[in-house]
């Protein structure tokens, strides 16, 4: 994810009243689903 997209997403989440912990959890879930992490672990 580009830093610009991350910044916009973070601002949007803050506007919705999410805490930093919730933000980190959502970003972590998004990165896991989008990234190769799940695929690599599933194939191993």
C-alpha atoms as a PDB file:
ATOM      1  CA  UNK A   1       0.000   0.000   0.000  1.00  0.00           C
ATOM      2  CA  UNK A   2       1.353   3.436  -0.874  1.00  0.00           C
ATOM      3  CA  UNK A   3       1.851   5.946   1.915  1.00  0.00           C
ATOM      4  CA  UNK A   4      -0.662   8.268   0.241  1.00  0.00           C
ATOM      5  CA  UNK A   5      -3.351   5.571   0.332  1.00  0.00           C
ATOM      6  CA  UNK A   6      -2.445   4.714   3.922  1.00  0.00           C
ATOM      7  CA  UNK A   7      -2.709   8.372   4.932  1.00  0.00           C
ATOM      8  CA  UNK A   8      -6.109   8.768   3.295  1.00  0.00           C
ATOM      9  CA  UNK A   9      -7.334   5.520   4.837  1.00  0.00           C
ATOM     10  CA  UNK A  10      -6.048   6.511   8.274  1.00  0.00           C
ATOM     11  CA  UNK A  11      -7.768   9.895   8.052  1.00  0.00           C
ATOM     12  CA  UNK A  12     -11.015   8.233   6.977  1.00  0.00           C
ATOM     13  CA  UNK A  13     -10.841   5.795   9.890  1.00  0.00           C
ATOM     14  CA  UNK A  14     -10.120   8.609  12.353  1.00  0.00           C
ATOM     15  CA  UNK A  15     -13.114  10.514  10.968  1.00  0.00           C
ATOM     16  CA  UNK A  16     -15.239   7.455  11.720  1.00  0.00           C
ATOM     17  CA  UNK A  17     -13.987   7.481  15.315  1.00  0.00           C
ATOM     18  CA  UNK A  18     -11.830   4.355  15.266  1.00  0.00           C
ATOM     19  CA  UNK A  19      -9.035   4.077  17.800  1.00  0.00           C
ATOM     20  CA  UNK A  20      -5.409   3.573  16.805  1.00  0.00           C
ATOM     21  CA  UNK A  21      -5.629  -0.077  17.889  1.00  0.00           C
ATOM     22  CA  UNK A  22      -8.689  -0.670  15.719  1.00  0.00           C
ATOM     23  CA  UNK A  23      -6.953   1.109  12.832  1.00  0.00           C
ATOM     24  CA  UNK A  24      -3.852  -1.072  13.169  1.00  0.00           C
ATOM     25  CA  UNK A  25      -6.007  -4.207  13.322  1.00  0.00           C
ATOM     26  CA  UNK A  26      -7.905  -3.234  10.164  1.00  0.00           C
ATOM     27  CA  UNK A  27      -4.714  -2.319   8.326  1.00  0.00           C
ATOM     28  CA  UNK A  28      -3.131  -5.597   9.441  1.00  0.00           C
ATOM     29  CA  UNK A  29      -6.114  -7.611   8.231  1.00  0.00           C
ATOM     30  CA  UNK A  30      -6.141  -5.747   4.927  1.00  0.00           C
ATOM     31  CA  UNK A  31      -2.446  -6.347   4.361  1.00  0.00           C
ATOM     32  CA  UNK A  32      -2.773 -10.048   5.235  1.00  0.00           C
ATOM     33  CA  UNK A  33      -5.658 -10.558   2.800  1.00  0.00           C
ATOM     34  CA  UNK A  34      -4.036  -8.548   0.005  1.00  0.00           C
ATOM     35  CA  UNK A  35      -0.482  -9.758   0.533  1.00  0.00           C
ATOM     36  CA  UNK A  36       1.267 -13.030  -0.275  1.00  0.00           C
ATOM     37  CA  UNK A  37       1.418 -14.040   3.398  1.00  0.00           C
ATOM     38  CA  UNK A  38      -1.738 -16.155   3.361  1.00  0.00           C
ATOM     39  CA  UNK A  39      -0.926 -17.749   0.012  1.00  0.00           C
ATOM     40  CA  UNK A  40       2.589 -18.709   1.043  1.00  0.00           C
ATOM     41  CA  UNK A  41       1.454 -20.167   4.366  1.00  0.00           C
ATOM     42  CA  UNK A  42      -1.372 -22.072   2.693  1.00  0.00           C
ATOM     43  CA  UNK A  43       0.963 -23.678   0.155  1.00  0.00           C
ATOM     44  CA  UNK A  44       3.653 -24.628   2.667  1.00  0.00           C
END
